Each structure stands twice: as C-alpha cells, then as structure tokens.
Amino acid sequence: MTQNFTYHCQQGGENALAVLAAISALPKMRLKDAMSKGAVWLKREGKGNKRVRRATQELQTGDVLSLHYNAEILALAPPAPALVADEKQYSVWYKPAGLLAQGTLEGDHCALLRIVEQKLQRDVFLVHRLDREAEGLMLVAHTGKAAAALSALFAQEAKQGIRKIYRVEVRGNVAAQGELNAALDGKSALTRYQLLEYVPTRDSSLVEVELVTGRKHQIRRHFAGIGHAVLGDPQYGSDNKDARGLQLRAVRLEFACPLGKQLRRYALT
C-alpha cells in the first residue's frame, strides 16, 4: 500500500529530508532510500513537478514536496537490461520482462529510463513503450531533437515510420496468416501476422506479428478478440495462463534514421 505525504512550504530554507521525516515519521535512512529511488517529488512555480533525490535539497517558499512511499515497490530489485547499440543521440536496449519503461509516482529504480540514465550518464527521453510484462527491443533518446524525431516516426504507420516486429505465442491454432483490423479505443488499428509454428503439446501457435499502427495493448487485444489470447496475458483473454509469463517479445526494429538518414535494423536472436 502506498502512503502519500504532502508538504506546502510557507518559508524558504527548510531541508527536504527533515520535512519528510517530520510529516511521515519514517526513519531518515528509509527516506534517503526513497528519494534516491524516485519516490519524492518537488513542485516549484515555473518549473513543474520533478523528482528530487538529494537529501540536502533546500525548499523555497511556495514549494510543494510530496512523498509516495510504498515499501514493497522500493524493495524490488529490477531485472537488468542490456545495451544492444549506442548511436550517441539514442540507444537501443533489450528490456527484460518485469522492467517498466518509465517510472511511476512511487519510484523509477525499476524503470528502463532511469537505469539507462545511470549507466550512460546522459539525458533520457521516452519515445515509445513496451508493456512491463513484455520483453524486447526499446529505443531511448538522449537529446530533445532525437526524442522529437523518433517519436514522430513511432506516430506514423509502419510503411512511413518504424517497422515493429514481434514474436508472440497465442492460445490455439491460428490461420497461416492474417490481418486483424478491429478498431481500438475508437481508432483504426491494423495488426498483421504469420504463423511460424503450431505447438500441439500446448495447443498454441507461435506467430510473427507486425504492428502497422500502435494502439495501447494492440497485439494483446486483437488476438484476444479473435479467441487466440496471448499466453500468459494477465489482462486479456481466458484460459491462457502460463507459468513463463507473457509470451510477447519485440524482436526487430527497422527504420530510416531521421537524424543521419541511414537505414537502421536491430534484431534479437
């Protein structure tokens, strides 16, 4: 359970850690850990709401300091991502299942963006998402220019933007190939797939999937909609539990780099 604490600073010069200790009654060592892991936020006039990690942070009049303390989340040890390619203005990473793309109010130590920021010591910008339960390739931008250019590519359909290829295992025996085009959230959505293998022992099909559009949970929702839910999906479909977890893997990204114009291809084996 998350405990939420908020403090409105009436007089500048106060110490963030001391204030948090007073309003939460939590030990300072726990609070320092929560700050380092991104559970403390500072809202300042003209500067928005940002995480504050320094225990020595001095408050200004009008600041709003908030702590979103969840001991279970803070105790989590994130699975390690792996660097696939470093293109300087952006990098390509393998995100394992169980790792968030970006942090939440309760922290960001289990998020790819924060881990990349710490490893490369560069600014990080999110340009697309991959579900926490899924694994596979993700791009992380390191400049505002790269973030804008790559985000624009992801917003386009595959033929103009980025080809996104997935390996997915779904329940039952699907057709050799097909297109799923049921609208999602009132927007057009198109998923193409090709059967790679039927596994009779699990009554499941391994398929290669290409996202032509990029709606939320598109693959999972489309396959659940035709009665072939993704194995291990905790949210969509039925009779598809799998001890291995969600069987959805982003295996290829292909695009013309908007920064250097080269054709880029990244793939997992």
C-alpha atoms as a PDB file:
ATOM      1  CA  MET A   1       0.000   0.000   0.000  1.00  0.00           C
ATOM      2  CA  THR A   2       1.219   3.471  -0.869  1.00  0.00           C
ATOM      3  CA  GLN A   3       1.400   6.133   1.840  1.00  0.00           C
ATOM      4  CA  ASN A   4       1.120   9.670   0.466  1.00  0.00           C
ATOM      5  CA  PHE A   5       2.503  12.699   2.279  1.00  0.00           C
ATOM      6  CA  THR A   6       2.414  16.318   1.082  1.00  0.00           C
ATOM      7  CA  TYR A   7       4.013  19.454   2.497  1.00  0.00           C
ATOM      8  CA  HIS A   8       3.425  23.055   1.407  1.00  0.00           C
ATOM      9  CA  CYS A   9       6.447  25.193   2.209  1.00  0.00           C
ATOM     10  CA  GLN A  10       5.498  28.522   3.796  1.00  0.00           C
ATOM     11  CA  GLN A  11       9.024  29.751   4.453  1.00  0.00           C
ATOM     12  CA  GLY A  12      12.110  29.002   2.360  1.00  0.00           C
ATOM     13  CA  GLY A  13      15.281  27.449   3.707  1.00  0.00           C
ATOM     14  CA  GLU A  14      13.785  24.240   5.086  1.00  0.00           C
ATOM     15  CA  ASN A  15      15.529  20.924   4.418  1.00  0.00           C
ATOM     16  CA  ALA A  16      13.563  18.392   2.368  1.00  0.00           C
ATOM     17  CA  LEU A  17      14.726  15.362   4.353  1.00  0.00           C
ATOM     18  CA  ALA A  18      13.942  16.972   7.709  1.00  0.00           C
ATOM     19  CA  VAL A  19      10.483  17.965   6.499  1.00  0.00           C
ATOM     20  CA  LEU A  20       9.736  14.459   5.218  1.00  0.00           C
ATOM     21  CA  ALA A  21      10.867  12.911   8.496  1.00  0.00           C
ATOM     22  CA  ALA A  22       8.553  15.244  10.405  1.00  0.00           C
ATOM     23  CA  ILE A  23       5.430  14.649   8.319  1.00  0.00           C
ATOM     24  CA  SER A  24       5.870  10.902   7.762  1.00  0.00           C
ATOM     25  CA  ALA A  25       7.566   9.718  10.984  1.00  0.00           C
ATOM     26  CA  LEU A  26       9.678   7.427   8.807  1.00  0.00           C
ATOM     27  CA  PRO A  27      13.384   6.877   9.617  1.00  0.00           C
ATOM     28  CA  LYS A  28      15.726   9.150   7.671  1.00  0.00           C
ATOM     29  CA  MET A  29      17.607   6.189   6.150  1.00  0.00           C
ATOM     30  CA  ARG A  30      14.362   4.912   4.627  1.00  0.00           C
ATOM     31  CA  LEU A  31      13.575   8.374   3.348  1.00  0.00           C
ATOM     32  CA  LYS A  32      17.009   8.749   1.755  1.00  0.00           C
ATOM     33  CA  ASP A  33      16.445   5.408   0.008  1.00  0.00           C
ATOM     34  CA  ALA A  34      13.005   6.552  -1.181  1.00  0.00           C
ATOM     35  CA  MET A  35      14.489   9.795  -2.508  1.00  0.00           C
ATOM     36  CA  SER A  36      17.275   8.023  -4.398  1.00  0.00           C
ATOM     37  CA  LYS A  37      14.726   5.663  -5.949  1.00  0.00           C
ATOM     38  CA  GLY A  38      12.451   8.459  -7.179  1.00  0.00           C
ATOM     39  CA  ALA A  39       9.550   8.393  -4.709  1.00  0.00           C
ATOM     40  CA  VAL A  40       9.861  12.064  -3.702  1.00  0.00           C
ATOM     41  CA  TRP A  41       8.593  14.916  -5.893  1.00  0.00           C
ATOM     42  CA  LEU A  42       9.041  18.679  -5.781  1.00  0.00           C
ATOM     43  CA  LYS A  43       6.572  21.044  -7.436  1.00  0.00           C
ATOM     44  CA  ARG A  44       8.006  24.534  -7.895  1.00  0.00           C
ATOM     45  CA  GLU A  45       6.415  27.559  -9.511  1.00  0.00           C
ATOM     46  CA  GLY A  46       7.501  27.815 -13.136  1.00  0.00           C
ATOM     47  CA  LYS A  47       9.432  24.538 -13.074  1.00  0.00           C
ATOM     48  CA  GLY A  48       6.710  21.917 -12.890  1.00  0.00           C
ATOM     49  CA  ASN A  49       6.827  18.703 -10.884  1.00  0.00           C
ATOM     50  CA  LYS A  50      10.129  16.818 -10.748  1.00  0.00           C
ATOM     51  CA  ARG A  51      11.674  14.038  -8.709  1.00  0.00           C
ATOM     52  CA  VAL A  52      14.059  15.223  -6.016  1.00  0.00           C
ATOM     53  CA  ARG A  53      16.806  12.809  -4.990  1.00  0.00           C
ATOM     54  CA  ARG A  54      19.133  14.896  -2.834  1.00  0.00           C
ATOM     55  CA  ALA A  55      18.576  14.690   0.913  1.00  0.00           C
ATOM     56  CA  THR A  56      20.148  18.142   1.172  1.00  0.00           C
ATOM     57  CA  GLN A  57      17.532  19.750  -1.092  1.00  0.00           C
ATOM     58  CA  GLU A  58      16.560  23.186   0.231  1.00  0.00           C
ATOM     59  CA  LEU A  59      12.958  24.247  -0.161  1.00  0.00           C
ATOM     60  CA  GLN A  60      11.720  27.614  -1.373  1.00  0.00           C
ATOM     61  CA  THR A  61       8.579  29.431  -0.333  1.00  0.00           C
ATOM     62  CA  GLY A  62       5.637  28.023  -2.284  1.00  0.00           C
ATOM     63  CA  ASP A  63       7.266  24.652  -2.986  1.00  0.00           C
ATOM     64  CA  VAL A  64       5.084  21.550  -2.685  1.00  0.00           C
ATOM     65  CA  LEU A  65       7.000  18.479  -1.533  1.00  0.00           C
ATOM     66  CA  SER A  66       5.361  15.053  -1.834  1.00  0.00           C
ATOM     67  CA  LEU A  67       6.347  11.525  -0.875  1.00  0.00           C
ATOM     68  CA  HIS A  68       4.655   8.423  -2.319  1.00  0.00           C
ATOM     69  CA  TYR A  69       6.013   5.702  -0.051  1.00  0.00           C
ATOM     70  CA  ASN A  70       5.449   2.053  -0.931  1.00  0.00           C
ATOM     71  CA  ALA A  71       7.836  -0.266   0.902  1.00  0.00           C
ATOM     72  CA  GLU A  72       7.099  -3.219  -1.399  1.00  0.00           C
ATOM     73  CA  ILE A  73       7.928  -1.250  -4.547  1.00  0.00           C
ATOM     74  CA  LEU A  74      11.069   0.274  -3.040  1.00  0.00           C
ATOM     75  CA  ALA A  75      12.292  -3.202  -2.047  1.00  0.00           C
ATOM     76  CA  LEU A  76      12.044  -4.553  -5.604  1.00  0.00           C
ATOM     77  CA  ALA A  77      15.263  -5.450  -7.411  1.00  0.00           C
ATOM     78  CA  PRO A  78      14.886  -4.641 -11.129  1.00  0.00           C
ATOM     79  CA  PRO A  79      15.933  -7.155 -13.801  1.00  0.00           C
ATOM     80  CA  ALA A  80      18.931  -5.866 -15.759  1.00  0.00           C
ATOM     81  CA  PRO A  81      18.501  -4.521 -19.310  1.00  0.00           C
ATOM     82  CA  ALA A  82      21.238  -4.982 -21.928  1.00  0.00           C
ATOM     83  CA  LEU A  83      22.677  -2.435 -24.354  1.00  0.00           C
ATOM     84  CA  VAL A  84      22.148  -3.532 -27.971  1.00  0.00           C
ATOM     85  CA  ALA A  85      23.520  -0.450 -29.784  1.00  0.00           C
ATOM     86  CA  ASP A  86      24.728   3.008 -28.804  1.00  0.00           C
ATOM     87  CA  GLU A  87      24.030   5.580 -31.522  1.00  0.00           C
ATOM     88  CA  LYS A  88      25.023   8.511 -29.247  1.00  0.00           C
ATOM     89  CA  GLN A  89      21.848  10.573 -29.776  1.00  0.00           C
ATOM     90  CA  TYR A  90      19.824   7.469 -28.971  1.00  0.00           C
ATOM     91  CA  SER A  91      20.495   3.942 -27.819  1.00  0.00           C
ATOM     92  CA  VAL A  92      18.802   0.569 -28.306  1.00  0.00           C
ATOM     93  CA  TRP A  93      18.187  -1.721 -25.337  1.00  0.00           C
ATOM     94  CA  TYR A  94      16.862  -5.165 -24.544  1.00  0.00           C
ATOM     95  CA  LYS A  95      14.178  -4.684 -21.893  1.00  0.00           C
ATOM     96  CA  PRO A  96      13.515  -7.851 -19.894  1.00  0.00           C
ATOM     97  CA  ALA A  97      10.049  -8.795 -18.702  1.00  0.00           C
ATOM     98  CA  GLY A  98       9.246  -7.206 -15.365  1.00  0.00           C
ATOM     99  CA  LEU A  99      11.022  -3.919 -16.098  1.00  0.00           C
ATOM    100  CA  LEU A 100       8.935  -0.765 -16.564  1.00  0.00           C
ATOM    101  CA  ALA A 101       9.578   1.559 -19.491  1.00  0.00           C
ATOM    102  CA  GLN A 102       9.438   4.594 -17.203  1.00  0.00           C
ATOM    103  CA  GLY A 103       8.838   5.208 -13.527  1.00  0.00           C
ATOM    104  CA  THR A 104       5.668   5.813 -11.530  1.00  0.00           C
ATOM    105  CA  LEU A 105       4.902   8.182  -8.659  1.00  0.00           C
ATOM    106  CA  GLU A 106       6.233   5.546  -6.253  1.00  0.00           C
ATOM    107  CA  GLY A 107       9.668   5.357  -7.887  1.00  0.00           C
ATOM    108  CA  ASP A 108      11.730   4.792 -11.010  1.00  0.00           C
ATOM    109  CA  HIS A 109      14.527   2.454  -9.906  1.00  0.00           C
ATOM    110  CA  CYS A 110      12.725  -0.411 -11.688  1.00  0.00           C
ATOM    111  CA  ALA A 111      12.359   1.548 -14.937  1.00  0.00           C
ATOM    112  CA  LEU A 112      14.462   1.310 -18.079  1.00  0.00           C
ATOM    113  CA  LEU A 113      14.812   5.082 -18.441  1.00  0.00           C
ATOM    114  CA  ARG A 114      16.361   5.548 -15.007  1.00  0.00           C
ATOM    115  CA  ILE A 115      18.715   2.586 -15.382  1.00  0.00           C
ATOM    116  CA  VAL A 116      19.909   3.861 -18.783  1.00  0.00           C
ATOM    117  CA  GLU A 117      20.374   7.356 -17.354  1.00  0.00           C
ATOM    118  CA  GLN A 118      22.598   5.961 -14.618  1.00  0.00           C
ATOM    119  CA  LYS A 119      24.559   3.635 -16.894  1.00  0.00           C
ATOM    120  CA  LEU A 120      25.276   6.107 -19.704  1.00  0.00           C
ATOM    121  CA  GLN A 121      25.240   9.323 -17.650  1.00  0.00           C
ATOM    122  CA  ARG A 122      23.140  11.073 -20.298  1.00  0.00           C
ATOM    123  CA  ASP A 123      19.737  12.668 -20.512  1.00  0.00           C
ATOM    124  CA  VAL A 124      16.986  10.182 -21.347  1.00  0.00           C
ATOM    125  CA  PHE A 125      13.689  10.659 -23.183  1.00  0.00           C
ATOM    126  CA  LEU A 126      10.919   8.106 -23.673  1.00  0.00           C
ATOM    127  CA  VAL A 127       9.877   7.729 -27.338  1.00  0.00           C
ATOM    128  CA  HIS A 128       7.777   4.557 -27.172  1.00  0.00           C
ATOM    129  CA  ARG A 129       6.592   1.947 -24.696  1.00  0.00           C
ATOM    130  CA  LEU A 130       6.727  -1.786 -24.158  1.00  0.00           C
ATOM    131  CA  ASP A 131       4.420  -3.374 -21.607  1.00  0.00           C
ATOM    132  CA  ARG A 132       6.014  -4.218 -18.276  1.00  0.00           C
ATOM    133  CA  GLU A 133       5.178  -7.904 -18.738  1.00  0.00           C
ATOM    134  CA  ALA A 134       6.693  -7.980 -22.249  1.00  0.00           C
ATOM    135  CA  GLU A 135      10.341  -8.204 -23.255  1.00  0.00           C
ATOM    136  CA  GLY A 136      12.300  -6.974 -26.235  1.00  0.00           C
ATOM    137  CA  LEU A 137      13.830  -4.012 -28.015  1.00  0.00           C
ATOM    138  CA  MET A 138      13.325  -0.402 -26.955  1.00  0.00           C
ATOM    139  CA  LEU A 139      14.799   2.869 -28.179  1.00  0.00           C
ATOM    140  CA  VAL A 140      15.840   5.549 -25.678  1.00  0.00           C
ATOM    141  CA  ALA A 141      16.577   9.085 -26.934  1.00  0.00           C
ATOM    142  CA  HIS A 142      19.342  11.182 -25.365  1.00  0.00           C
ATOM    143  CA  THR A 143      18.603  14.606 -26.868  1.00  0.00           C
ATOM    144  CA  GLY A 144      15.429  16.587 -27.334  1.00  0.00           C
ATOM    145  CA  LYS A 145      15.982  16.600 -31.092  1.00  0.00           C
ATOM    146  CA  ALA A 146      16.309  12.806 -31.223  1.00  0.00           C
ATOM    147  CA  ALA A 147      13.261  12.364 -29.000  1.00  0.00           C
ATOM    148  CA  ALA A 148      11.092  14.533 -31.251  1.00  0.00           C
ATOM    149  CA  ALA A 149      12.289  12.856 -34.465  1.00  0.00           C
ATOM    150  CA  LEU A 150      11.927   9.292 -33.181  1.00  0.00           C
ATOM    151  CA  SER A 151       8.568   9.982 -31.527  1.00  0.00           C
ATOM    152  CA  ALA A 152       7.306  11.289 -34.863  1.00  0.00           C
ATOM    153  CA  LEU A 153       8.396   8.056 -36.541  1.00  0.00           C
ATOM    154  CA  PHE A 154       6.574   5.925 -33.980  1.00  0.00           C
ATOM    155  CA  ALA A 155       3.438   8.006 -34.510  1.00  0.00           C
ATOM    156  CA  GLN A 156       3.347   7.056 -38.202  1.00  0.00           C
ATOM    157  CA  GLU A 157       2.178   3.812 -39.727  1.00  0.00           C
ATOM    158  CA  ALA A 158       4.888   1.230 -40.360  1.00  0.00           C
ATOM    159  CA  LYS A 159       5.371   1.898 -44.069  1.00  0.00           C
ATOM    160  CA  GLN A 160       6.376   5.521 -43.359  1.00  0.00           C
ATOM    161  CA  GLY A 161       7.808   5.107 -39.866  1.00  0.00           C
ATOM    162  CA  ILE A 162       9.261   2.238 -37.862  1.00  0.00           C
ATOM    163  CA  ARG A 163       8.650  -1.434 -38.620  1.00  0.00           C
ATOM    164  CA  LYS A 164       7.952  -3.191 -35.338  1.00  0.00           C
ATOM    165  CA  ILE A 165       8.160  -6.990 -35.416  1.00  0.00           C
ATOM    166  CA  TYR A 166       7.172  -9.257 -32.524  1.00  0.00           C
ATOM    167  CA  ARG A 167       7.281 -12.979 -31.719  1.00  0.00           C
ATOM    168  CA  VAL A 168       4.120 -13.946 -29.880  1.00  0.00           C
ATOM    169  CA  GLU A 169       2.698 -17.228 -28.639  1.00  0.00           C
ATOM    170  CA  VAL A 170      -1.092 -17.374 -28.604  1.00  0.00           C
ATOM    171  CA  ARG A 171      -3.654 -19.910 -27.478  1.00  0.00           C
ATOM    172  CA  GLY A 172      -4.976 -22.357 -30.083  1.00  0.00           C
ATOM    173  CA  ASN A 173      -4.219 -22.999 -33.733  1.00  0.00           C
ATOM    174  CA  VAL A 174      -4.402 -19.828 -35.837  1.00  0.00           C
ATOM    175  CA  ALA A 175      -4.626 -19.470 -39.608  1.00  0.00           C
ATOM    176  CA  ALA A 176      -1.381 -19.456 -41.594  1.00  0.00           C
ATOM    177  CA  GLN A 177      -1.528 -15.685 -41.900  1.00  0.00           C
ATOM    178  CA  GLY A 178      -3.955 -12.856 -41.461  1.00  0.00           C
ATOM    179  CA  GLU A 179      -4.775  -9.251 -40.692  1.00  0.00           C
ATOM    180  CA  LEU A 180      -6.607  -8.051 -37.578  1.00  0.00           C
ATOM    181  CA  ASN A 181      -8.223  -4.662 -38.038  1.00  0.00           C
ATOM    182  CA  ALA A 182     -10.782  -4.205 -35.278  1.00  0.00           C
ATOM    183  CA  ALA A 183     -10.811  -0.563 -34.136  1.00  0.00           C
ATOM    184  CA  LEU A 184      -9.379   0.091 -30.661  1.00  0.00           C
ATOM    185  CA  ASP A 185     -10.465   2.998 -28.474  1.00  0.00           C
ATOM    186  CA  GLY A 186     -12.341   4.493 -31.409  1.00  0.00           C
ATOM    187  CA  LYS A 187      -9.248   4.498 -33.632  1.00  0.00           C
ATOM    188  CA  SER A 188      -8.283   2.328 -36.597  1.00  0.00           C
ATOM    189  CA  ALA A 189      -5.816  -0.439 -35.765  1.00  0.00           C
ATOM    190  CA  LEU A 190      -4.067  -2.950 -38.007  1.00  0.00           C
ATOM    191  CA  THR A 191      -2.051  -5.998 -36.965  1.00  0.00           C
ATOM    192  CA  ARG A 192      -0.521  -8.396 -39.485  1.00  0.00           C
ATOM    193  CA  TYR A 193       0.670 -11.865 -38.517  1.00  0.00           C
ATOM    194  CA  GLN A 194       2.177 -15.027 -39.950  1.00  0.00           C
ATOM    195  CA  LEU A 195       2.145 -18.457 -38.319  1.00  0.00           C
ATOM    196  CA  LEU A 196       5.621 -19.800 -37.594  1.00  0.00           C
ATOM    197  CA  GLU A 197       4.776 -22.976 -35.698  1.00  0.00           C
ATOM    198  CA  TYR A 198       1.868 -24.771 -34.055  1.00  0.00           C
ATOM    199  CA  VAL A 199       2.798 -26.414 -30.739  1.00  0.00           C
ATOM    200  CA  PRO A 200       0.346 -29.283 -30.155  1.00  0.00           C
ATOM    201  CA  THR A 201       1.585 -30.089 -26.642  1.00  0.00           C
ATOM    202  CA  ARG A 202       0.445 -26.629 -25.514  1.00  0.00           C
ATOM    203  CA  ASP A 203      -2.256 -26.138 -28.152  1.00  0.00           C
ATOM    204  CA  SER A 204      -0.584 -22.860 -29.008  1.00  0.00           C
ATOM    205  CA  SER A 205       0.702 -21.011 -32.044  1.00  0.00           C
ATOM    206  CA  LEU A 206       3.970 -19.127 -32.375  1.00  0.00           C
ATOM    207  CA  VAL A 207       3.377 -16.176 -34.686  1.00  0.00           C
ATOM    208  CA  GLU A 208       5.423 -13.318 -36.108  1.00  0.00           C
ATOM    209  CA  VAL A 209       3.487 -10.083 -35.774  1.00  0.00           C
ATOM    210  CA  GLU A 210       3.913  -6.691 -37.393  1.00  0.00           C
ATOM    211  CA  LEU A 211       2.227  -3.660 -35.896  1.00  0.00           C
ATOM    212  CA  VAL A 212       1.089  -1.331 -38.654  1.00  0.00           C
ATOM    213  CA  THR A 213      -0.481   1.020 -36.097  1.00  0.00           C
ATOM    214  CA  GLY A 214       0.461   1.416 -32.456  1.00  0.00           C
ATOM    215  CA  ARG A 215      -2.572   1.413 -30.167  1.00  0.00           C
ATOM    216  CA  LYS A 216      -2.380   0.556 -26.470  1.00  0.00           C
ATOM    217  CA  HIS A 217      -2.032  -3.215 -25.945  1.00  0.00           C
ATOM    218  CA  GLN A 218      -2.875  -3.647 -29.629  1.00  0.00           C
ATOM    219  CA  ILE A 219      -1.439  -7.151 -30.107  1.00  0.00           C
ATOM    220  CA  ARG A 220      -2.909  -8.443 -26.872  1.00  0.00           C
ATOM    221  CA  ARG A 221      -6.350  -7.009 -27.529  1.00  0.00           C
ATOM    222  CA  HIS A 222      -6.513  -8.034 -31.178  1.00  0.00           C
ATOM    223  CA  PHE A 223      -5.620 -11.672 -30.556  1.00  0.00           C
ATOM    224  CA  ALA A 224      -7.886 -11.919 -27.510  1.00  0.00           C
ATOM    225  CA  GLY A 225     -10.655 -10.511 -29.717  1.00  0.00           C
ATOM    226  CA  ILE A 226     -10.440 -13.448 -32.134  1.00  0.00           C
ATOM    227  CA  GLY A 227     -10.270 -16.056 -29.365  1.00  0.00           C
ATOM    228  CA  HIS A 228      -6.495 -16.605 -29.504  1.00  0.00           C
ATOM    229  CA  ALA A 229      -5.271 -14.696 -26.451  1.00  0.00           C
ATOM    230  CA  VAL A 230      -1.541 -14.236 -25.888  1.00  0.00           C
ATOM    231  CA  LEU A 231      -0.263 -16.871 -23.468  1.00  0.00           C
ATOM    232  CA  GLY A 232       0.458 -15.529 -20.016  1.00  0.00           C
ATOM    233  CA  ASP A 233      -1.571 -12.353 -20.551  1.00  0.00           C
ATOM    234  CA  PRO A 234      -2.980 -11.349 -17.141  1.00  0.00           C
ATOM    235  CA  GLN A 235      -5.446  -8.837 -18.569  1.00  0.00           C
ATOM    236  CA  TYR A 236      -6.946 -10.051 -21.841  1.00  0.00           C
ATOM    237  CA  GLY A 237      -8.471 -13.372 -22.845  1.00  0.00           C
ATOM    238  CA  SER A 238      -9.242 -16.529 -20.872  1.00  0.00           C
ATOM    239  CA  ASP A 239      -7.713 -19.998 -20.384  1.00  0.00           C
ATOM    240  CA  ASN A 240      -4.320 -18.555 -21.317  1.00  0.00           C
ATOM    241  CA  LYS A 241      -2.380 -18.688 -18.048  1.00  0.00           C
ATOM    242  CA  ASP A 242       1.283 -19.553 -18.473  1.00  0.00           C
ATOM    243  CA  ALA A 243       3.928 -20.008 -15.779  1.00  0.00           C
ATOM    244  CA  ARG A 244       6.506 -18.474 -18.147  1.00  0.00           C
ATOM    245  CA  GLY A 245       4.719 -15.127 -18.100  1.00  0.00           C
ATOM    246  CA  LEU A 246       3.513 -13.026 -21.020  1.00  0.00           C
ATOM    247  CA  GLN A 247       4.718 -14.601 -24.276  1.00  0.00           C
ATOM    248  CA  LEU A 248       5.220 -11.398 -26.221  1.00  0.00           C
ATOM    249  CA  ARG A 249       8.652 -10.322 -27.420  1.00  0.00           C
ATOM    250  CA  ALA A 250       9.658  -7.295 -29.522  1.00  0.00           C
ATOM    251  CA  VAL A 251      12.333  -8.810 -31.758  1.00  0.00           C
ATOM    252  CA  ARG A 252      13.016  -6.325 -34.593  1.00  0.00           C
ATOM    253  CA  LEU A 253      13.021  -2.603 -35.237  1.00  0.00           C
ATOM    254  CA  GLU A 254      13.688  -1.221 -38.729  1.00  0.00           C
ATOM    255  CA  PHE A 255      13.621   2.431 -39.803  1.00  0.00           C
ATOM    256  CA  ALA A 256      15.349   5.152 -41.758  1.00  0.00           C
ATOM    257  CA  CYS A 257      17.153   7.154 -39.089  1.00  0.00           C
ATOM    258  CA  PRO A 258      15.681  10.680 -39.111  1.00  0.00           C
ATOM    259  CA  LEU A 259      18.967  12.106 -37.809  1.00  0.00           C
ATOM    260  CA  GLY A 260      21.567  10.514 -40.084  1.00  0.00           C
ATOM    261  CA  LYS A 261      19.274   9.080 -42.812  1.00  0.00           C
ATOM    262  CA  GLN A 262      20.879   5.619 -42.600  1.00  0.00           C
ATOM    263  CA  LEU A 263      18.720   2.514 -42.649  1.00  0.00           C
ATOM    264  CA  ARG A 264      18.783   1.006 -39.165  1.00  0.00           C
ATOM    265  CA  ARG A 265      17.967  -2.607 -38.316  1.00  0.00           C
ATOM    266  CA  TYR A 266      18.132  -4.026 -34.820  1.00  0.00           C
ATOM    267  CA  ALA A 267      17.186  -7.618 -34.011  1.00  0.00           C
ATOM    268  CA  LEU A 268      17.184 -10.132 -31.207  1.00  0.00           C
ATOM    269  CA  THR A 269      18.086 -13.734 -31.902  1.00  0.00           C
END
